[in-house]
C-alpha atoms as a PDB file:
ATOM      1  CA  UNK A   1     -35.575 -25.673 -14.397  1.00  0.00           C
ATOM      2  CA  UNK A   2     -35.550 -27.092 -17.588  1.00  0.00           C
ATOM      3  CA  UNK A   3     -36.510 -26.924 -21.238  1.00  0.00           C
ATOM      4  CA  UNK A   4     -34.395 -26.976 -24.497  1.00  0.00           C
ATOM      5  CA  UNK A   5     -30.995 -25.913 -24.243  1.00  0.00           C
ATOM      6  CA  UNK A   6     -29.634 -22.963 -25.772  1.00  0.00           C
ATOM      7  CA  UNK A   7     -25.964 -22.014 -27.076  1.00  0.00           C
ATOM      8  CA  UNK A   8     -23.872 -19.323 -24.727  1.00  0.00           C
ATOM      9  CA  UNK A   9     -20.766 -19.411 -27.501  1.00  0.00           C
ATOM     10  CA  UNK A  10     -19.312 -20.899 -30.234  1.00  0.00           C
ATOM     11  CA  UNK A  11     -15.439 -21.414 -31.100  1.00  0.00           C
ATOM     12  CA  UNK A  12     -12.842 -23.570 -30.458  1.00  0.00           C
ATOM     13  CA  UNK A  13     -13.485 -23.666 -26.725  1.00  0.00           C
ATOM     14  CA  UNK A  14     -10.081 -25.852 -25.289  1.00  0.00           C
ATOM     15  CA  UNK A  15     -11.412 -29.344 -23.924  1.00  0.00           C
ATOM     16  CA  UNK A  16     -10.669 -29.310 -19.784  1.00  0.00           C
ATOM     17  CA  UNK A  17      -8.898 -32.515 -18.414  1.00  0.00           C
ATOM     18  CA  UNK A  18     -10.924 -32.844 -15.410  1.00  0.00           C
ATOM     19  CA  UNK A  19     -13.977 -31.856 -13.791  1.00  0.00           C
ATOM     20  CA  UNK A  20     -14.396 -28.222 -13.786  1.00  0.00           C
ATOM     21  CA  UNK A  21     -17.790 -25.904 -13.167  1.00  0.00           C
ATOM     22  CA  UNK A  22     -17.726 -23.366 -15.366  1.00  0.00           C
ATOM     23  CA  UNK A  23     -20.388 -21.684 -13.977  1.00  0.00           C
ATOM     24  CA  UNK A  24     -19.963 -19.165 -11.207  1.00  0.00           C
ATOM     25  CA  UNK A  25     -21.038 -20.362  -7.578  1.00  0.00           C
ATOM     26  CA  UNK A  26     -23.813 -17.297  -7.380  1.00  0.00           C
ATOM     27  CA  UNK A  27     -24.808 -19.196 -10.695  1.00  0.00           C
ATOM     28  CA  UNK A  28     -25.047 -15.384 -12.642  1.00  0.00           C
ATOM     29  CA  UNK A  29     -21.796 -15.683 -15.248  1.00  0.00           C
ATOM     30  CA  UNK A  30     -20.099 -18.364 -16.743  1.00  0.00           C
ATOM     31  CA  UNK A  31     -16.093 -17.937 -17.551  1.00  0.00           C
ATOM     32  CA  UNK A  32     -14.932 -19.587 -20.555  1.00  0.00           C
ATOM     33  CA  UNK A  33     -11.693 -20.365 -22.793  1.00  0.00           C
ATOM     34  CA  UNK A  34     -11.926 -19.757 -26.380  1.00  0.00           C
ATOM     35  CA  UNK A  35      -9.292 -20.077 -28.954  1.00  0.00           C
ATOM     36  CA  UNK A  36      -9.651 -17.922 -32.158  1.00  0.00           C
ATOM     37  CA  UNK A  37      -7.123 -16.842 -34.629  1.00  0.00           C
ATOM     38  CA  UNK A  38      -3.783 -17.502 -33.308  1.00  0.00           C
ATOM     39  CA  UNK A  39      -5.131 -16.014 -29.617  1.00  0.00           C
ATOM     40  CA  UNK A  40      -7.111 -17.768 -26.375  1.00  0.00           C
ATOM     41  CA  UNK A  41      -9.285 -15.368 -25.029  1.00  0.00           C
ATOM     42  CA  UNK A  42     -11.167 -15.696 -21.401  1.00  0.00           C
ATOM     43  CA  UNK A  43     -14.092 -15.143 -21.789  1.00  0.00           C
ATOM     44  CA  UNK A  44     -17.123 -14.011 -19.226  1.00  0.00           C
ATOM     45  CA  UNK A  45     -20.990 -13.581 -20.253  1.00  0.00           C
ATOM     46  CA  UNK A  46     -24.628 -14.182 -18.645  1.00  0.00           C
ATOM     47  CA  UNK A  47     -25.445 -17.582 -17.473  1.00  0.00           C
ATOM     48  CA  UNK A  48     -28.391 -16.734 -19.430  1.00  0.00           C
ATOM     49  CA  UNK A  49     -26.534 -15.612 -22.467  1.00  0.00           C
ATOM     50  CA  UNK A  50     -25.358 -12.550 -24.121  1.00  0.00           C
ATOM     51  CA  UNK A  51     -22.181 -10.115 -25.200  1.00  0.00           C
ATOM     52  CA  UNK A  52     -18.732 -12.053 -23.918  1.00  0.00           C
ATOM     53  CA  UNK A  53     -16.419  -9.910 -22.131  1.00  0.00           C
ATOM     54  CA  UNK A  54     -12.330 -10.140 -22.746  1.00  0.00           C
ATOM     55  CA  UNK A  55     -11.199 -10.389 -19.652  1.00  0.00           C
ATOM     56  CA  UNK A  56      -7.671 -12.181 -20.798  1.00  0.00           C
ATOM     57  CA  UNK A  57      -5.814 -12.604 -23.863  1.00  0.00           C
ATOM     58  CA  UNK A  58      -2.803 -15.040 -24.202  1.00  0.00           C
ATOM     59  CA  UNK A  59      -1.290 -15.780 -27.720  1.00  0.00           C
ATOM     60  CA  UNK A  60      -1.323 -18.932 -28.764  1.00  0.00           C
ATOM     61  CA  UNK A  61      -3.743 -22.245 -27.937  1.00  0.00           C
ATOM     62  CA  UNK A  62      -3.290 -21.946 -24.489  1.00  0.00           C
ATOM     63  CA  UNK A  63      -4.947 -23.937 -21.166  1.00  0.00           C
ATOM     64  CA  UNK A  64      -6.077 -20.666 -19.648  1.00  0.00           C
ATOM     65  CA  UNK A  65      -8.872 -22.539 -17.710  1.00  0.00           C
ATOM     66  CA  UNK A  66     -11.319 -20.586 -14.956  1.00  0.00           C
ATOM     67  CA  UNK A  67     -11.465 -21.187 -11.221  1.00  0.00           C
ATOM     68  CA  UNK A  68     -13.829 -18.792  -9.355  1.00  0.00           C
ATOM     69  CA  UNK A  69     -13.822 -17.267  -6.137  1.00  0.00           C
ATOM     70  CA  UNK A  70     -16.411 -17.976  -3.859  1.00  0.00           C
ATOM     71  CA  UNK A  71     -17.847 -14.997  -3.723  1.00  0.00           C
ATOM     72  CA  UNK A  72     -17.995 -14.832  -7.398  1.00  0.00           C
ATOM     73  CA  UNK A  73     -16.040 -12.009  -7.812  1.00  0.00           C
ATOM     74  CA  UNK A  74     -12.219 -13.615  -8.958  1.00  0.00           C
ATOM     75  CA  UNK A  75     -11.112 -16.351 -11.223  1.00  0.00           C
ATOM     76  CA  UNK A  76      -7.942 -17.620 -10.735  1.00  0.00           C
ATOM     77  CA  UNK A  77      -5.830 -19.815 -14.049  1.00  0.00           C
ATOM     78  CA  UNK A  78      -2.649 -20.245 -14.607  1.00  0.00           C
ATOM     79  CA  UNK A  79      -0.211 -19.950 -17.736  1.00  0.00           C
ATOM     80  CA  UNK A  80       3.543 -20.090 -18.188  1.00  0.00           C
ATOM     81  CA  UNK A  81       4.044 -21.681 -14.543  1.00  0.00           C
ATOM     82  CA  UNK A  82       2.463 -18.043 -13.070  1.00  0.00           C
ATOM     83  CA  UNK A  83      -0.597 -18.443 -11.102  1.00  0.00           C
ATOM     84  CA  UNK A  84      -2.716 -15.399 -11.257  1.00  0.00           C
ATOM     85  CA  UNK A  85      -6.024 -13.846 -10.028  1.00  0.00           C
ATOM     86  CA  UNK A  86      -8.188 -11.143 -12.496  1.00  0.00           C
ATOM     87  CA  UNK A  87     -11.578  -9.194 -11.350  1.00  0.00           C
ATOM     88  CA  UNK A  88     -13.983 -11.153 -13.150  1.00  0.00           C
ATOM     89  CA  UNK A  89     -15.619  -8.060 -13.825  1.00  0.00           C
ATOM     90  CA  UNK A  90     -12.111  -7.146 -15.865  1.00  0.00           C
ATOM     91  CA  UNK A  91      -8.827  -5.852 -14.935  1.00  0.00           C
ATOM     92  CA  UNK A  92      -5.552  -6.463 -14.946  1.00  0.00           C
ATOM     93  CA  UNK A  93      -4.458 -10.040 -13.644  1.00  0.00           C
ATOM     94  CA  UNK A  94      -2.584  -9.831 -10.143  1.00  0.00           C
ATOM     95  CA  UNK A  95       0.643 -12.629 -10.380  1.00  0.00           C
ATOM     96  CA  UNK A  96      -0.095 -14.378  -7.186  1.00  0.00           C
ATOM     97  CA  UNK A  97       2.793 -17.367  -7.335  1.00  0.00           C
ATOM     98  CA  UNK A  98       4.990 -18.952  -9.515  1.00  0.00           C
ATOM     99  CA  UNK A  99       6.218 -23.059 -10.271  1.00  0.00           C
ATOM    100  CA  UNK A 100       7.590 -24.669 -12.965  1.00  0.00           C
ATOM    101  CA  UNK A 101       4.338 -25.676 -13.943  1.00  0.00           C
ATOM    102  CA  UNK A 102       0.793 -25.534 -12.662  1.00  0.00           C
ATOM    103  CA  UNK A 103      -1.708 -28.224 -13.038  1.00  0.00           C
ATOM    104  CA  UNK A 104      -4.474 -25.693 -14.663  1.00  0.00           C
ATOM    105  CA  UNK A 105      -7.435 -28.135 -14.615  1.00  0.00           C
ATOM    106  CA  UNK A 106      -7.341 -27.966 -10.800  1.00  0.00           C
ATOM    107  CA  UNK A 107      -7.056 -25.088  -9.040  1.00  0.00           C
ATOM    108  CA  UNK A 108      -9.717 -24.675  -6.161  1.00  0.00           C
ATOM    109  CA  UNK A 109     -10.769 -21.929  -3.990  1.00  0.00           C
ATOM    110  CA  UNK A 110     -10.965 -22.128  -0.573  1.00  0.00           C
ATOM    111  CA  UNK A 111     -14.340 -22.026   1.031  1.00  0.00           C
ATOM    112  CA  UNK A 112     -13.476 -18.905   2.763  1.00  0.00           C
ATOM    113  CA  UNK A 113     -11.519 -17.241  -0.228  1.00  0.00           C
ATOM    114  CA  UNK A 114      -8.814 -16.602   1.577  1.00  0.00           C
ATOM    115  CA  UNK A 115      -6.217 -19.553   0.310  1.00  0.00           C
ATOM    116  CA  UNK A 116      -5.842 -21.247  -3.038  1.00  0.00           C
ATOM    117  CA  UNK A 117      -4.739 -24.438  -3.682  1.00  0.00           C
ATOM    118  CA  UNK A 118      -3.160 -26.350  -6.392  1.00  0.00           C
ATOM    119  CA  UNK A 119      -1.345 -29.031  -7.816  1.00  0.00           C
ATOM    120  CA  UNK A 120       2.347 -28.097  -8.746  1.00  0.00           C
ATOM    121  CA  UNK A 121       5.711 -29.665 -10.252  1.00  0.00           C
ATOM    122  CA  UNK A 122       8.633 -27.706  -8.326  1.00  0.00           C
ATOM    123  CA  UNK A 123      11.893 -26.991 -10.419  1.00  0.00           C
ATOM    124  CA  UNK A 124      13.887 -30.272 -10.065  1.00  0.00           C
ATOM    125  CA  UNK A 125      11.228 -32.713  -8.866  1.00  0.00           C
ATOM    126  CA  UNK A 126       9.357 -35.199 -10.915  1.00  0.00           C
ATOM    127  CA  UNK A 127       5.838 -35.552  -9.317  1.00  0.00           C
ATOM    128  CA  UNK A 128       2.844 -33.386  -7.880  1.00  0.00           C
ATOM    129  CA  UNK A 129       2.404 -31.498  -5.116  1.00  0.00           C
ATOM    130  CA  UNK A 130      -0.769 -29.472  -4.041  1.00  0.00           C
ATOM    131  CA  UNK A 131       0.472 -26.277  -3.271  1.00  0.00           C
ATOM    132  CA  UNK A 132      -1.301 -23.529  -0.865  1.00  0.00           C
ATOM    133  CA  UNK A 133      -1.809 -19.796  -1.964  1.00  0.00           C
ATOM    134  CA  UNK A 134      -2.780 -17.164   0.426  1.00  0.00           C
ATOM    135  CA  UNK A 135      -4.640 -15.159  -1.506  1.00  0.00           C
ATOM    136  CA  UNK A 136      -4.119 -11.679   0.131  1.00  0.00           C
ATOM    137  CA  UNK A 137      -0.404 -11.882   0.282  1.00  0.00           C
ATOM    138  CA  UNK A 138       0.448 -14.416  -2.048  1.00  0.00           C
ATOM    139  CA  UNK A 139       2.968 -16.390   0.300  1.00  0.00           C
ATOM    140  CA  UNK A 140       2.857 -19.866  -0.832  1.00  0.00           C
ATOM    141  CA  UNK A 141       3.663 -23.770   1.160  1.00  0.00           C
ATOM    142  CA  UNK A 142       3.701 -26.869   0.113  1.00  0.00           C
ATOM    143  CA  UNK A 143       1.107 -28.871   1.445  1.00  0.00           C
ATOM    144  CA  UNK A 144       1.931 -32.644   0.580  1.00  0.00           C
ATOM    145  CA  UNK A 145       5.858 -34.216   1.133  1.00  0.00           C
ATOM    146  CA  UNK A 146       8.734 -34.765  -1.518  1.00  0.00           C
ATOM    147  CA  UNK A 147       8.254 -38.586   0.213  1.00  0.00           C
ATOM    148  CA  UNK A 148       4.537 -38.630  -1.411  1.00  0.00           C
ATOM    149  CA  UNK A 149       5.749 -39.646  -4.842  1.00  0.00           C
ATOM    150  CA  UNK A 150       3.793 -40.473  -7.801  1.00  0.00           C
ATOM    151  CA  UNK A 151       0.550 -38.557  -9.491  1.00  0.00           C
ATOM    152  CA  UNK A 152      -1.913 -36.530  -7.703  1.00  0.00           C
ATOM    153  CA  UNK A 153      -5.246 -34.877  -9.154  1.00  0.00           C
ATOM    154  CA  UNK A 154      -8.698 -34.212  -8.199  1.00  0.00           C
ATOM    155  CA  UNK A 155      -8.675 -32.323  -5.823  1.00  0.00           C
ATOM    156  CA  UNK A 156     -11.234 -31.141  -3.170  1.00  0.00           C
ATOM    157  CA  UNK A 157     -11.890 -28.714  -0.471  1.00  0.00           C
ATOM    158  CA  UNK A 158     -13.913 -29.905   2.233  1.00  0.00           C
ATOM    159  CA  UNK A 159     -16.634 -27.348   3.474  1.00  0.00           C
ATOM    160  CA  UNK A 160     -15.221 -26.741   7.074  1.00  0.00           C
ATOM    161  CA  UNK A 161     -11.694 -25.628   5.010  1.00  0.00           C
ATOM    162  CA  UNK A 162     -10.081 -27.643   7.192  1.00  0.00           C
ATOM    163  CA  UNK A 163      -9.020 -30.339   4.803  1.00  0.00           C
ATOM    164  CA  UNK A 164      -8.379 -31.601   1.597  1.00  0.00           C
ATOM    165  CA  UNK A 165      -9.381 -34.315  -0.602  1.00  0.00           C
ATOM    166  CA  UNK A 166      -7.477 -36.192  -3.211  1.00  0.00           C
ATOM    167  CA  UNK A 167      -7.107 -38.850  -5.304  1.00  0.00           C
ATOM    168  CA  UNK A 168      -3.517 -40.732  -4.955  1.00  0.00           C
ATOM    169  CA  UNK A 169      -1.781 -43.247  -8.040  1.00  0.00           C
ATOM    170  CA  UNK A 170       0.643 -45.133  -6.881  1.00  0.00           C
ATOM    171  CA  UNK A 171       1.371 -48.877  -8.060  1.00  0.00           C
ATOM    172  CA  UNK A 172       3.832 -49.520  -5.096  1.00  0.00           C
ATOM    173  CA  UNK A 173       1.568 -48.800  -2.348  1.00  0.00           C
ATOM    174  CA  UNK A 174      -1.731 -48.820  -3.656  1.00  0.00           C
ATOM    175  CA  UNK A 175      -3.996 -46.070  -5.726  1.00  0.00           C
ATOM    176  CA  UNK A 176      -6.680 -44.234  -4.190  1.00  0.00           C
ATOM    177  CA  UNK A 177      -8.260 -40.875  -2.457  1.00  0.00           C
ATOM    178  CA  UNK A 178      -6.460 -39.526  -0.078  1.00  0.00           C
ATOM    179  CA  UNK A 179      -6.827 -36.576   2.905  1.00  0.00           C
ATOM    180  CA  UNK A 180      -4.754 -34.064   3.832  1.00  0.00           C
ATOM    181  CA  UNK A 181      -4.878 -31.904   6.958  1.00  0.00           C
ATOM    182  CA  UNK A 182      -4.487 -28.087   6.204  1.00  0.00           C
ATOM    183  CA  UNK A 183      -2.817 -27.291   9.500  1.00  0.00           C
ATOM    184  CA  UNK A 184      -0.948 -30.091  10.381  1.00  0.00           C
ATOM    185  CA  UNK A 185      -0.238 -31.937   6.985  1.00  0.00           C
ATOM    186  CA  UNK A 186      -1.661 -35.002   8.236  1.00  0.00           C
ATOM    187  CA  UNK A 187      -2.781 -37.403   5.496  1.00  0.00           C
ATOM    188  CA  UNK A 188      -4.707 -40.199   5.727  1.00  0.00           C
ATOM    189  CA  UNK A 189      -6.478 -43.148   3.174  1.00  0.00           C
ATOM    190  CA  UNK A 190     -10.062 -42.365   2.217  1.00  0.00           C
ATOM    191  CA  UNK A 191     -10.064 -45.684   0.250  1.00  0.00           C
ATOM    192  CA  UNK A 192      -6.961 -48.135  -1.420  1.00  0.00           C
ATOM    193  CA  UNK A 193      -7.902 -49.237  -4.703  1.00  0.00           C
ATOM    194  CA  UNK A 194      -6.367 -50.800  -7.536  1.00  0.00           C
END
């Protein structure tokens, strides 16, 4: 609506490597992590300002980067190779899936909230891949294949939930944007740019 900005929270807020909206989809809350006195806390507070609620705590300076569920009821994040989901109002963090390493800044819920997509590094593999995790069961499947090597980032679900777009960096056969069909795994280029 415009007007003067106001400060929601202070302290050491770890920088996020990549774009991420910390505002809940319903616009009512903000989730953010804050490092203080050797501890990183995942906080939720009203978007209009107010007292933050600590919903998760980890020792050390960590990248606890929140990803809101479409209904604003849960937050997914990763730590130490484990993908977790926690109620936005607080409670127990439920482990969903484990890999060698999640790229914590790019964990995205499907539009219907049933699936989470994220980039992950698997054991003994040098390149990251898109993994799909069923929110209800925790079942995980790899969407991109080992043959699609090199680095990928910035995934985005399409509104119909049937496709995911992402950036692809490969000096051998071109950088650009790709789109993958969630059901079939078929990949096509959207843009091929240097």
